[in-house]
Amino acid sequence: MDSTLKPTSASPWSPLKLSVFRWLWLASIASNIGTWMHEVGAGWLMTSLSASPLAVALVQVAGALPMFFLALPAGALADIVDKRRYLLVVQLWMAGVAVLLASLTLLGLMNVPLLLVLTLAMGIGTALMMPAWSALTPELVGKDELPAAVALSSLGMNVARAIGPAVAGVLVSLSGPWLTFALNALSFFAVIGALYAWKRTPTPSILPAERLFGAVRLGIRYARSARPLQAVLVRTMAFFVGASAGMALLPLLVRSELKGTAADFGILLGCVGIGAVGGAVLLPKLRQRLRGDLIVAGASALYAGVLFCLAFIREFALLIPVMLVSGAAWIAVLSSLQVAAQTSVPSWVRARALAVYILVFFGCSAAGSLLWGSLASRASLAVALAGGGSLLLLGILASWRFRLPVTASDDLAPSLHWPAPVLDDALDRERGPVMVTLEYDIPVEHAAAFGEAMLAVRAMRRRNGALSWGLLQDSERPQVWQEFFFDASWLEHLRHHGRVTVAEQRIEQNARQYQRDGVAVKIRHLLGAAP
């Protein structure tokens, strides 16, 4: 066992003992089933409204496109407002769209442009919801329960993916697409009920909320400077570009190569869900023995084997165990990456960081599906699937040096160790920029080690909001070093105070260990001229 790892919860089901998490988890499963039913209903309805392949493809485009434009603003908004109220508004929006879809379809008033507009509206709701919903889990469970909670969330998504399309196929054949939209609306009301019953206690703040566009910029800046989050994003790209070949090409494999039916496709999807359940049960024990890096690498290799099997096996019965393995491998990677993404960032920027992760996930899945679909059309399904498996194996090697953060290794609670500067109460909080200078006295023999330690300080300042950073050495007194960084305004500097974590306090201490004994670090705050 890796001695750096701490034991996790013994049971993968222990988060369900928490009533708020349990009800939200059950409601999310219902909602995800409704979403998959909506996908099937919308696609089938478009085929009845138009025979154009472009129109059918535009349904998927309309549903996915808002994610690429709204995920980051949605993450910023979720970080600066009350998440519970925000999610209630978004869920009401999505329920309203679903009710409108069901009503217009039942009354025979639906047409191609209207279906695309309403699908776009539903996609807008999904894009606004996902970052906030992902950032909710750490609030509902403790840090030790988080891996199991994320695994359960991933399990719920896989179960919904197996159940939703199968149920939708039956409902569409019996009563038409309108019923899938109506049941989707009911699933949103289930989530609304669970959110309404949750009596969330918001964290009070003496500072006004961030402004939206500034919060978006800060989220991007954080992602560019946070090495643990960057490791998660690299591992995400290394897996999902290659792995996307499996789910993207499975329908073609069943229909064209196996000459199977929709029922056969549903059976294989059901096997993915069953495999995901088995993987979720095994994950807590694996986490006690292996680092997240090894779990992701092993599951990636396993999924590469799945793709090679899909490339060359053409017996339906033999593909059943293959899809069981694919579900277990998929949930192992997805759960490990989500846990790493959620635990590698502090709470003040969590939804924005998860929005970046979601963007990379969706972008890699979409790009991979396009790549392997194009390759399959030019060569063959076998070549495309084998290509996906080969790229997965290369991704393991290419991303190996990017170590995923260990769940319990860093304390990301605010340290609140910066002394508050004494200033006139009448000072305009919007005044800026603010230049903060820190003067160090470093013995010459420690200069190189000090400069190396300050690289981590630079990354810390930038990800917590500094617009720029620098380190200068006095030409007349080589032992004197001047660190400086700029914040946009006095208000932003006050926010900067609350963003420094306990783990980052150790980064400062590592640099200040070279400070000459008995000499204090001199700190000054310089403000831009008043108008």
Protein backbone atom coordinates (compact mmCIF):
# COMPACT_ATOMS: atom_id res chain seq x y z
CA MET A 1 0.00 0.00 0.00
CA ASP A 2 1.16 3.56 -0.74
CA SER A 3 1.98 5.05 2.64
CA THR A 4 0.86 8.50 1.51
CA LEU A 5 -2.70 7.37 1.09
CA LYS A 6 -5.27 7.64 3.83
CA PRO A 7 -8.08 5.13 4.23
CA THR A 8 -11.34 6.12 2.67
CA SER A 9 -14.84 5.14 3.62
CA ALA A 10 -15.20 1.36 3.94
CA SER A 11 -18.54 1.32 2.14
CA PRO A 12 -19.24 2.80 -1.30
CA TRP A 13 -22.82 3.46 -0.14
CA SER A 14 -22.01 5.40 3.05
CA PRO A 15 -22.78 8.87 1.59
CA LEU A 16 -26.40 7.71 1.20
CA LYS A 17 -26.72 7.82 4.99
CA LEU A 18 -26.80 11.62 4.63
CA SER A 19 -30.41 12.48 3.86
CA VAL A 20 -29.70 15.60 1.77
CA PHE A 21 -27.21 13.79 -0.45
CA ARG A 22 -29.50 10.73 -0.70
CA TRP A 23 -32.53 12.70 -1.90
CA LEU A 24 -30.53 14.86 -4.29
CA TRP A 25 -28.81 11.74 -5.65
CA LEU A 26 -32.12 9.98 -6.26
CA ALA A 27 -33.57 13.12 -7.84
CA SER A 28 -30.51 13.47 -10.09
CA ILE A 29 -30.91 9.87 -11.29
CA ALA A 30 -34.54 10.60 -12.18
CA SER A 31 -33.47 13.79 -13.94
CA ASN A 32 -30.72 12.03 -15.90
CA ILE A 33 -33.15 9.32 -16.98
CA GLY A 34 -35.51 12.08 -18.11
CA THR A 35 -32.68 13.77 -20.01
CA TRP A 36 -31.82 10.59 -21.90
CA MET A 37 -35.50 10.07 -22.66
CA HIS A 38 -35.61 13.62 -24.00
CA GLU A 39 -32.60 12.92 -26.25
CA VAL A 40 -34.32 9.90 -27.81
CA GLY A 41 -37.67 11.68 -28.12
CA ALA A 42 -36.19 14.82 -29.71
CA GLY A 43 -34.13 12.80 -32.21
CA TRP A 44 -37.11 10.64 -33.18
CA LEU A 45 -39.43 13.63 -33.44
CA MET A 46 -37.03 15.39 -35.81
CA THR A 47 -36.94 12.35 -38.10
CA SER A 48 -40.74 12.61 -38.37
CA LEU A 49 -40.59 16.37 -39.05
CA SER A 50 -37.77 16.28 -41.61
CA ALA A 51 -35.97 13.64 -43.63
CA SER A 52 -32.83 15.80 -43.82
CA PRO A 53 -29.76 14.24 -42.10
CA LEU A 54 -28.57 17.79 -41.40
CA ALA A 55 -31.74 18.61 -39.47
CA VAL A 56 -31.37 15.44 -37.37
CA ALA A 57 -27.71 16.27 -36.66
CA LEU A 58 -28.64 19.83 -35.69
CA VAL A 59 -30.67 18.47 -32.75
CA GLN A 60 -27.44 17.21 -31.17
CA VAL A 61 -25.63 20.43 -32.07
CA ALA A 62 -28.35 22.62 -30.52
CA GLY A 63 -28.24 20.61 -27.31
CA ALA A 64 -24.45 20.64 -26.94
CA LEU A 65 -23.46 24.05 -28.35
CA PRO A 66 -24.42 26.18 -25.30
CA MET A 67 -21.99 24.21 -23.13
CA PHE A 68 -19.00 25.66 -24.97
CA PHE A 69 -20.20 29.25 -24.56
CA LEU A 70 -21.90 29.23 -21.16
CA ALA A 71 -19.99 26.74 -18.97
CA LEU A 72 -17.41 29.26 -17.74
CA PRO A 73 -19.90 32.09 -17.06
CA ALA A 74 -22.16 29.53 -15.37
CA GLY A 75 -19.29 28.38 -13.16
CA ALA A 76 -18.48 31.97 -12.22
CA LEU A 77 -22.12 32.69 -11.44
CA ALA A 78 -22.36 29.57 -9.28
CA ASP A 79 -19.31 30.72 -7.28
CA ILE A 80 -20.70 34.18 -6.52
CA VAL A 81 -24.38 33.45 -5.77
CA ASP A 82 -26.23 31.02 -3.53
CA LYS A 83 -25.95 27.65 -5.35
CA ARG A 84 -29.25 26.30 -4.05
CA ARG A 85 -31.30 29.27 -5.28
CA TYR A 86 -29.35 29.38 -8.52
CA LEU A 87 -30.06 25.70 -9.22
CA LEU A 88 -33.74 26.13 -8.35
CA VAL A 89 -34.05 28.88 -10.99
CA VAL A 90 -32.21 26.81 -13.61
CA GLN A 91 -34.30 23.71 -12.90
CA LEU A 92 -37.50 25.74 -13.20
CA TRP A 93 -36.29 27.02 -16.57
CA MET A 94 -35.59 23.48 -17.81
CA ALA A 95 -38.91 22.17 -16.48
CA GLY A 96 -40.73 24.99 -18.29
CA VAL A 97 -38.97 24.16 -21.56
CA ALA A 98 -39.85 20.47 -21.17
CA VAL A 99 -43.52 21.28 -20.47
CA LEU A 100 -43.63 23.50 -23.56
CA LEU A 101 -42.04 20.75 -25.67
CA ALA A 102 -44.56 18.18 -24.45
CA SER A 103 -47.55 20.49 -24.96
CA LEU A 104 -46.65 21.64 -28.47
CA THR A 105 -45.82 18.10 -29.56
CA LEU A 106 -49.06 16.67 -28.16
CA LEU A 107 -51.08 19.41 -29.88
CA GLY A 108 -49.32 18.81 -33.21
CA LEU A 109 -47.89 22.35 -33.33
CA MET A 110 -44.21 21.37 -33.44
CA ASN A 111 -42.03 22.16 -36.45
CA VAL A 112 -38.31 21.97 -37.25
CA PRO A 113 -37.28 25.54 -36.26
CA LEU A 114 -39.33 25.40 -33.05
CA LEU A 115 -37.84 22.04 -32.04
CA LEU A 116 -34.31 23.37 -32.61
CA VAL A 117 -35.02 26.53 -30.59
CA LEU A 118 -36.47 24.57 -27.66
CA THR A 119 -33.60 22.05 -27.81
CA LEU A 120 -31.21 25.02 -27.69
CA ALA A 121 -33.12 26.36 -24.66
CA MET A 122 -32.76 22.98 -22.94
CA GLY A 123 -29.03 22.97 -23.78
CA ILE A 124 -28.72 26.43 -22.21
CA GLY A 125 -30.24 25.07 -19.01
CA THR A 126 -27.85 22.10 -18.99
CA ALA A 127 -24.84 24.37 -19.49
CA LEU A 128 -25.95 26.64 -16.65
CA MET A 129 -26.65 23.71 -14.35
CA MET A 130 -23.63 21.42 -14.67
CA PRO A 131 -20.83 23.46 -13.00
CA ALA A 132 -23.03 24.37 -10.02
CA TRP A 133 -24.32 20.82 -9.62
CA SER A 134 -20.79 19.37 -9.78
CA ALA A 135 -19.56 21.86 -7.17
CA LEU A 136 -22.43 20.93 -4.85
CA THR A 137 -21.13 17.50 -3.80
CA PRO A 138 -18.29 18.72 -1.51
CA GLU A 139 -20.87 20.79 0.39
CA LEU A 140 -23.08 17.78 0.99
CA VAL A 141 -20.52 15.26 2.26
CA GLY A 142 -17.28 15.32 4.21
CA LYS A 143 -13.86 15.06 2.60
CA ASP A 144 -13.51 11.38 3.51
CA GLU A 145 -16.89 10.60 1.92
CA LEU A 146 -16.25 12.60 -1.26
CA PRO A 147 -14.69 9.81 -3.40
CA ALA A 148 -17.63 7.50 -2.66
CA ALA A 149 -20.11 10.33 -3.29
CA VAL A 150 -18.57 11.14 -6.69
CA ALA A 151 -18.53 7.45 -7.59
CA LEU A 152 -22.23 7.25 -6.72
CA SER A 153 -22.95 10.31 -8.87
CA SER A 154 -21.07 8.75 -11.79
CA LEU A 155 -22.91 5.48 -11.17
CA GLY A 156 -26.24 7.29 -11.30
CA MET A 157 -25.33 8.83 -14.66
CA ASN A 158 -24.39 5.42 -16.10
CA VAL A 159 -27.54 3.77 -14.78
CA ALA A 160 -29.60 6.58 -16.30
CA ARG A 161 -27.78 6.19 -19.61
CA ALA A 162 -28.72 2.50 -19.64
CA ILE A 163 -32.35 2.93 -18.54
CA GLY A 164 -33.39 6.20 -20.21
CA PRO A 165 -33.00 5.28 -23.90
CA ALA A 166 -34.62 1.85 -23.39
CA VAL A 167 -37.66 3.32 -21.63
CA ALA A 168 -37.89 6.12 -24.20
CA GLY A 169 -37.89 3.65 -27.08
CA VAL A 170 -40.92 1.87 -25.59
CA LEU A 171 -42.77 5.14 -24.80
CA VAL A 172 -42.17 6.62 -28.26
CA SER A 173 -43.50 3.45 -29.92
CA LEU A 174 -46.58 3.43 -27.69
CA SER A 175 -47.61 7.09 -27.48
CA GLY A 176 -45.18 9.26 -29.40
CA PRO A 177 -42.34 11.61 -28.30
CA TRP A 178 -44.55 13.97 -26.27
CA LEU A 179 -44.63 11.57 -23.30
CA THR A 180 -40.82 11.49 -23.04
CA PHE A 181 -40.83 15.30 -22.79
CA ALA A 182 -43.60 15.23 -20.18
CA LEU A 183 -41.77 12.70 -18.01
CA ASN A 184 -38.58 14.75 -18.37
CA ALA A 185 -40.48 17.74 -16.99
CA LEU A 186 -41.61 15.64 -14.00
CA SER A 187 -38.00 14.60 -13.36
CA PHE A 188 -37.01 18.28 -13.10
CA PHE A 189 -39.74 18.85 -10.54
CA ALA A 190 -38.27 15.98 -8.50
CA VAL A 191 -34.94 17.84 -8.38
CA ILE A 192 -36.73 21.08 -7.53
CA GLY A 193 -38.45 19.37 -4.61
CA ALA A 194 -35.17 17.97 -3.27
CA LEU A 195 -33.43 21.34 -3.58
CA TYR A 196 -36.32 23.16 -1.94
CA ALA A 197 -36.26 20.76 1.02
CA TRP A 198 -32.51 21.32 1.52
CA LYS A 199 -31.99 24.03 4.14
CA ARG A 200 -28.57 25.20 3.00
CA THR A 201 -26.68 27.59 5.26
CA PRO A 202 -24.69 29.98 3.04
CA THR A 203 -21.23 31.11 4.13
CA PRO A 204 -21.48 34.76 5.17
CA SER A 205 -19.12 37.32 3.64
CA ILE A 206 -18.43 40.91 4.62
CA LEU A 207 -17.38 41.70 1.05
CA PRO A 208 -19.73 42.25 -1.89
CA ALA A 209 -19.99 39.48 -4.47
CA GLU A 210 -17.59 39.39 -7.41
CA ARG A 211 -18.72 40.78 -10.74
CA LEU A 212 -19.47 38.19 -13.38
CA PHE A 213 -16.92 39.07 -16.06
CA GLY A 214 -14.16 39.62 -13.52
CA ALA A 215 -15.01 36.25 -11.96
CA VAL A 216 -14.76 34.56 -15.37
CA ARG A 217 -11.33 36.11 -16.01
CA LEU A 218 -10.15 35.04 -12.58
CA GLY A 219 -11.36 31.48 -13.18
CA ILE A 220 -9.34 31.28 -16.41
CA ARG A 221 -6.30 32.78 -14.66
CA TYR A 222 -6.66 30.25 -11.85
CA ALA A 223 -6.77 27.32 -14.29
CA ARG A 224 -3.62 28.63 -16.02
CA SER A 225 -1.67 28.79 -12.74
CA ALA A 226 -2.97 25.79 -10.74
CA ARG A 227 -0.70 22.80 -11.37
CA PRO A 228 -2.92 20.19 -9.65
CA LEU A 229 -5.92 21.22 -11.77
CA GLN A 230 -3.75 21.22 -14.90
CA ALA A 231 -2.73 17.63 -14.13
CA VAL A 232 -6.42 16.66 -13.99
CA LEU A 233 -7.08 18.38 -17.33
CA VAL A 234 -4.13 16.66 -19.03
CA ARG A 235 -5.27 13.26 -17.76
CA THR A 236 -8.80 14.07 -18.96
CA MET A 237 -7.55 14.84 -22.47
CA ALA A 238 -5.33 11.73 -22.49
CA PHE A 239 -8.34 9.49 -21.79
CA PHE A 240 -11.44 10.92 -23.41
CA VAL A 241 -10.12 11.67 -26.91
CA GLY A 242 -9.30 8.00 -27.42
CA ALA A 243 -12.07 6.52 -25.26
CA SER A 244 -14.78 8.45 -27.10
CA ALA A 245 -14.40 5.98 -29.99
CA GLY A 246 -16.27 3.34 -27.99
CA MET A 247 -19.60 5.05 -27.35
CA ALA A 248 -19.49 7.05 -30.60
CA LEU A 249 -19.12 3.97 -32.81
CA LEU A 250 -21.05 1.38 -30.78
CA PRO A 251 -24.41 2.07 -32.53
CA LEU A 252 -22.78 1.58 -35.94
CA LEU A 253 -21.05 -1.56 -34.74
CA VAL A 254 -24.34 -3.11 -33.58
CA ARG A 255 -26.32 -2.10 -36.63
CA SER A 256 -23.80 -2.52 -39.47
CA GLU A 257 -21.33 -5.15 -38.31
CA LEU A 258 -23.47 -7.31 -36.01
CA LYS A 259 -26.72 -6.75 -37.95
CA GLY A 260 -28.36 -6.25 -34.55
CA THR A 261 -31.51 -4.49 -33.45
CA ALA A 262 -32.27 -1.60 -31.13
CA ALA A 263 -32.88 -4.19 -28.41
CA ASP A 264 -29.35 -5.55 -28.89
CA PHE A 265 -27.96 -2.03 -28.56
CA GLY A 266 -30.01 -1.54 -25.40
CA ILE A 267 -28.64 -4.79 -23.93
CA LEU A 268 -25.05 -3.66 -24.49
CA LEU A 269 -25.80 -0.27 -22.92
CA GLY A 270 -27.38 -2.08 -19.99
CA CYS A 271 -24.17 -4.09 -19.59
CA VAL A 272 -22.23 -0.82 -19.42
CA GLY A 273 -24.49 0.27 -16.56
CA ILE A 274 -24.12 -3.05 -14.72
CA GLY A 275 -20.35 -2.88 -15.11
CA ALA A 276 -20.42 0.66 -13.72
CA VAL A 277 -22.24 -0.60 -10.62
CA GLY A 278 -19.57 -3.25 -10.09
CA GLY A 279 -16.82 -0.68 -10.61
CA ALA A 280 -18.39 1.69 -8.09
CA VAL A 281 -18.49 -1.09 -5.49
CA LEU A 282 -14.80 -1.95 -6.00
CA LEU A 283 -13.46 1.61 -6.16
CA PRO A 284 -13.25 2.37 -2.40
CA LYS A 285 -11.07 -0.70 -1.81
CA LEU A 286 -8.87 0.19 -4.77
CA ARG A 287 -8.42 3.72 -3.44
CA GLN A 288 -7.15 2.33 -0.15
CA ARG A 289 -4.34 0.56 -1.99
CA LEU A 290 -3.55 2.64 -5.07
CA ARG A 291 -3.02 6.28 -5.97
CA GLY A 292 -5.50 7.91 -8.30
CA ASP A 293 -2.80 8.00 -11.02
CA LEU A 294 -2.48 4.23 -11.00
CA ILE A 295 -6.24 3.69 -10.99
CA VAL A 296 -6.67 6.01 -14.00
CA ALA A 297 -3.72 4.42 -15.84
CA GLY A 298 -4.94 0.86 -15.15
CA ALA A 299 -8.53 1.63 -16.10
CA SER A 300 -7.34 3.43 -19.25
CA ALA A 301 -5.36 0.36 -20.29
CA LEU A 302 -8.42 -1.78 -19.56
CA TYR A 303 -10.60 0.48 -21.72
CA ALA A 304 -8.00 0.33 -24.50
CA GLY A 305 -8.42 -3.45 -24.36
CA VAL A 306 -12.20 -2.95 -24.64
CA LEU A 307 -11.73 -0.90 -27.82
CA PHE A 308 -9.46 -3.55 -29.35
CA CYS A 309 -12.12 -6.17 -28.56
CA LEU A 310 -14.81 -4.03 -30.19
CA ALA A 311 -12.55 -3.67 -33.23
CA PHE A 312 -12.16 -7.42 -33.82
CA ILE A 313 -14.95 -9.36 -32.04
CA ARG A 314 -18.13 -9.86 -34.03
CA GLU A 315 -20.01 -12.30 -31.78
CA PHE A 316 -22.75 -10.58 -29.77
CA ALA A 317 -22.46 -12.96 -26.80
CA LEU A 318 -18.72 -12.30 -26.50
CA LEU A 319 -19.30 -8.54 -26.43
CA ILE A 320 -21.45 -8.74 -23.30
CA PRO A 321 -18.50 -9.29 -20.90
CA VAL A 322 -16.51 -6.72 -22.86
CA MET A 323 -19.16 -4.07 -22.19
CA LEU A 324 -19.32 -5.06 -18.51
CA VAL A 325 -15.58 -4.35 -18.29
CA SER A 326 -16.03 -1.08 -20.20
CA GLY A 327 -18.54 0.19 -17.63
CA ALA A 328 -16.21 -0.62 -14.73
CA ALA A 329 -13.21 0.99 -16.43
CA TRP A 330 -15.19 4.08 -17.48
CA ILE A 331 -16.52 4.80 -14.00
CA ALA A 332 -13.08 4.22 -12.46
CA VAL A 333 -11.54 6.91 -14.68
CA LEU A 334 -14.47 9.32 -14.55
CA SER A 335 -14.86 9.09 -10.78
CA SER A 336 -11.12 9.44 -10.12
CA LEU A 337 -10.82 12.51 -12.34
CA GLN A 338 -13.90 14.15 -10.85
CA VAL A 339 -12.67 13.57 -7.30
CA ALA A 340 -9.28 15.01 -8.21
CA ALA A 341 -10.88 18.04 -9.89
CA GLN A 342 -13.15 18.77 -6.93
CA THR A 343 -10.51 18.31 -4.23
CA SER A 344 -7.66 20.15 -5.96
CA VAL A 345 -9.32 23.57 -5.79
CA PRO A 346 -10.57 25.74 -2.90
CA SER A 347 -14.27 26.46 -2.47
CA TRP A 348 -14.13 30.08 -3.69
CA VAL A 349 -13.27 29.00 -7.26
CA ARG A 350 -14.58 25.39 -7.33
CA ALA A 351 -17.48 25.85 -9.77
CA ARG A 352 -15.26 27.79 -12.19
CA ALA A 353 -12.54 25.15 -12.05
CA LEU A 354 -15.10 22.40 -12.60
CA ALA A 355 -16.51 24.40 -15.54
CA VAL A 356 -13.04 24.26 -17.13
CA TYR A 357 -12.93 20.50 -16.46
CA ILE A 358 -16.41 20.07 -18.00
CA LEU A 359 -15.34 22.07 -21.07
CA VAL A 360 -12.27 19.87 -21.56
CA PHE A 361 -14.37 16.73 -21.04
CA PHE A 362 -17.04 17.77 -23.55
CA GLY A 363 -14.51 19.17 -26.00
CA CYS A 364 -12.37 16.02 -26.00
CA SER A 365 -15.41 13.76 -26.30
CA ALA A 366 -16.80 15.81 -29.21
CA ALA A 367 -13.44 16.09 -30.98
CA GLY A 368 -12.75 12.39 -30.46
CA SER A 369 -16.17 11.37 -31.78
CA LEU A 370 -15.63 13.50 -34.89
CA LEU A 371 -12.12 12.08 -35.39
CA TRP A 372 -13.09 8.43 -35.05
CA GLY A 373 -16.30 8.87 -37.03
CA SER A 374 -14.33 10.40 -39.90
CA LEU A 375 -11.72 7.65 -39.73
CA ALA A 376 -14.44 4.95 -39.72
CA SER A 377 -16.06 6.48 -42.82
CA ARG A 378 -12.72 6.67 -44.66
CA ALA A 379 -11.30 3.31 -43.52
CA SER A 380 -13.39 0.99 -41.35
CA LEU A 381 -14.90 0.62 -37.89
CA ALA A 382 -12.13 -1.78 -36.90
CA VAL A 383 -9.41 0.71 -37.84
CA ALA A 384 -11.13 3.54 -35.96
CA LEU A 385 -11.70 1.48 -32.80
CA ALA A 386 -8.17 0.13 -32.84
CA GLY A 387 -6.92 3.68 -33.37
CA GLY A 388 -8.82 4.82 -30.29
CA GLY A 389 -7.29 2.00 -28.25
CA SER A 390 -3.80 2.82 -29.49
CA LEU A 391 -4.22 6.51 -28.69
CA LEU A 392 -5.38 5.58 -25.18
CA LEU A 393 -2.18 3.60 -24.58
CA LEU A 394 -0.07 6.47 -25.90
CA GLY A 395 -2.02 8.85 -23.65
CA ILE A 396 -1.07 6.81 -20.57
CA LEU A 397 2.62 7.23 -21.40
CA ALA A 398 2.36 10.89 -22.42
CA SER A 399 0.46 11.93 -19.28
CA TRP A 400 2.30 9.77 -16.75
CA ARG A 401 4.37 12.63 -15.28
CA PHE A 402 1.19 14.59 -14.47
CA ARG A 403 0.39 13.26 -11.01
CA LEU A 404 -3.19 13.59 -9.83
CA PRO A 405 -3.56 15.37 -6.48
CA VAL A 406 -4.14 13.12 -3.47
CA THR A 407 -7.56 13.77 -1.95
CA ALA A 408 -6.47 14.37 1.63
CA SER A 409 -2.96 15.77 1.05
CA ASP A 410 -3.71 19.52 1.04
CA ASP A 411 -5.79 21.66 3.36
CA LEU A 412 -7.67 24.07 1.09
CA ALA A 413 -9.46 25.92 3.88
CA PRO A 414 -8.70 29.68 4.03
CA SER A 415 -5.62 30.31 6.19
CA LEU A 416 -6.59 33.94 7.02
CA HIS A 417 -2.97 34.51 8.14
CA TRP A 418 -2.35 37.71 6.18
CA PRO A 419 -2.49 40.73 8.52
CA ALA A 420 -5.18 43.23 7.53
CA PRO A 421 -3.59 46.55 6.50
CA VAL A 422 -4.61 49.61 8.48
CA LEU A 423 -6.30 52.18 6.24
CA ASP A 424 -8.77 55.02 6.41
CA ASP A 425 -12.35 53.70 6.64
CA ALA A 426 -13.34 56.26 4.01
CA LEU A 427 -11.11 54.63 1.39
CA ASP A 428 -12.91 53.89 -1.88
CA ARG A 429 -12.88 50.10 -2.23
CA GLU A 430 -12.97 50.38 -6.02
CA ARG A 431 -9.76 52.41 -6.05
CA GLY A 432 -6.87 50.73 -7.77
CA PRO A 433 -4.72 49.19 -8.93
CA VAL A 434 -3.09 48.08 -5.69
CA MET A 435 0.63 47.29 -5.68
CA VAL A 436 1.81 45.09 -2.80
CA THR A 437 5.55 44.95 -2.15
CA LEU A 438 7.40 42.55 0.16
CA GLU A 439 11.05 43.20 0.98
CA TYR A 440 13.17 40.17 1.89
CA ASP A 441 16.68 40.03 3.35
CA ILE A 442 18.23 36.84 1.98
CA PRO A 443 21.84 35.80 2.66
CA VAL A 444 23.72 35.56 -0.64
CA GLU A 445 24.45 31.84 -0.21
CA HIS A 446 20.68 31.15 -0.13
CA ALA A 447 19.77 33.32 -3.16
CA ALA A 448 19.42 30.43 -5.62
CA ALA A 449 17.23 28.34 -3.29
CA PHE A 450 15.12 31.41 -2.48
CA GLY A 451 14.58 32.15 -6.18
CA GLU A 452 13.47 28.56 -6.77
CA ALA A 453 11.00 28.71 -3.87
CA MET A 454 9.56 31.98 -5.16
CA LEU A 455 8.42 30.29 -8.38
CA ALA A 456 5.70 28.54 -6.37
CA VAL A 457 4.87 31.87 -4.70
CA ARG A 458 4.43 33.44 -8.15
CA ALA A 459 1.96 30.73 -9.23
CA MET A 460 0.07 31.15 -5.94
CA ARG A 461 -0.27 34.94 -6.32
CA ARG A 462 -1.43 34.66 -9.94
CA ARG A 463 -4.07 31.99 -9.36
CA ASN A 464 -5.48 33.90 -6.38
CA GLY A 465 -6.08 37.06 -8.38
CA ALA A 466 -2.84 38.99 -8.95
CA LEU A 467 -2.75 40.68 -12.35
CA SER A 468 1.04 40.55 -12.54
CA TRP A 469 4.00 39.54 -10.37
CA GLY A 470 7.71 40.22 -10.22
CA LEU A 471 10.85 39.66 -8.16
CA LEU A 472 13.74 42.16 -8.18
CA GLN A 473 17.19 42.21 -6.58
CA ASP A 474 18.75 45.40 -5.22
CA SER A 475 21.83 46.32 -7.27
CA GLU A 476 23.58 48.02 -4.33
CA ARG A 477 22.55 45.50 -1.64
CA PRO A 478 22.45 42.04 -3.28
CA GLN A 479 20.91 40.49 -0.17
CA VAL A 480 17.76 42.60 -0.55
CA TRP A 481 14.98 41.21 -2.76
CA GLN A 482 11.73 42.95 -3.62
CA GLU A 483 8.62 40.93 -4.49
CA PHE A 484 5.71 42.86 -5.97
CA PHE A 485 2.29 41.99 -7.35
CA PHE A 486 -0.72 43.97 -8.53
CA ASP A 487 -4.39 43.48 -7.67
CA ALA A 488 -7.07 45.22 -9.74
CA SER A 489 -8.54 47.24 -6.84
CA TRP A 490 -8.56 47.51 -3.07
CA LEU A 491 -11.69 45.35 -2.99
CA GLU A 492 -9.95 42.68 -5.07
CA HIS A 493 -6.99 42.80 -2.70
CA LEU A 494 -9.31 42.21 0.27
CA ARG A 495 -10.73 39.20 -1.59
CA HIS A 496 -7.16 38.03 -2.22
CA HIS A 497 -6.68 37.91 1.57
CA GLY A 498 -9.52 35.37 1.93
CA ARG A 499 -8.37 33.13 -0.93
CA VAL A 500 -5.00 32.06 0.49
CA THR A 501 -5.32 28.50 1.81
CA VAL A 502 -3.55 26.64 4.60
CA ALA A 503 -1.64 24.67 1.96
CA GLU A 504 -0.53 27.91 0.30
CA GLN A 505 0.59 29.27 3.65
CA ARG A 506 3.21 26.52 3.58
CA ILE A 507 4.37 27.78 0.17
CA GLU A 508 5.04 31.20 1.71
CA GLN A 509 6.78 29.60 4.69
CA ASN A 510 9.00 27.57 2.37
CA ALA A 511 10.23 30.77 0.71
CA ARG A 512 10.56 32.72 3.96
CA GLN A 513 12.75 30.09 5.60
CA TYR A 514 15.68 31.77 3.84
CA GLN A 515 14.91 35.18 5.40
CA ARG A 516 17.76 36.42 7.63
CA ASP A 517 17.11 35.63 11.30
CA GLY A 518 15.77 38.53 13.29
CA VAL A 519 14.81 40.58 10.21
CA ALA A 520 11.10 40.95 9.44
CA VAL A 521 9.68 40.91 5.93
CA LYS A 522 8.60 44.47 5.11
CA ILE A 523 5.16 44.71 3.47
CA ARG A 524 3.74 47.84 1.84
CA HIS A 525 0.48 48.58 0.01
CA LEU A 526 0.56 51.24 -2.71
CA LEU A 527 -2.67 52.46 -4.29
CA GLY A 528 -3.27 54.07 -7.65
CA ALA A 529 -3.80 57.82 -7.57
CA ALA A 530 -7.27 58.92 -6.55
CA PRO A 531 -9.33 60.48 -9.37
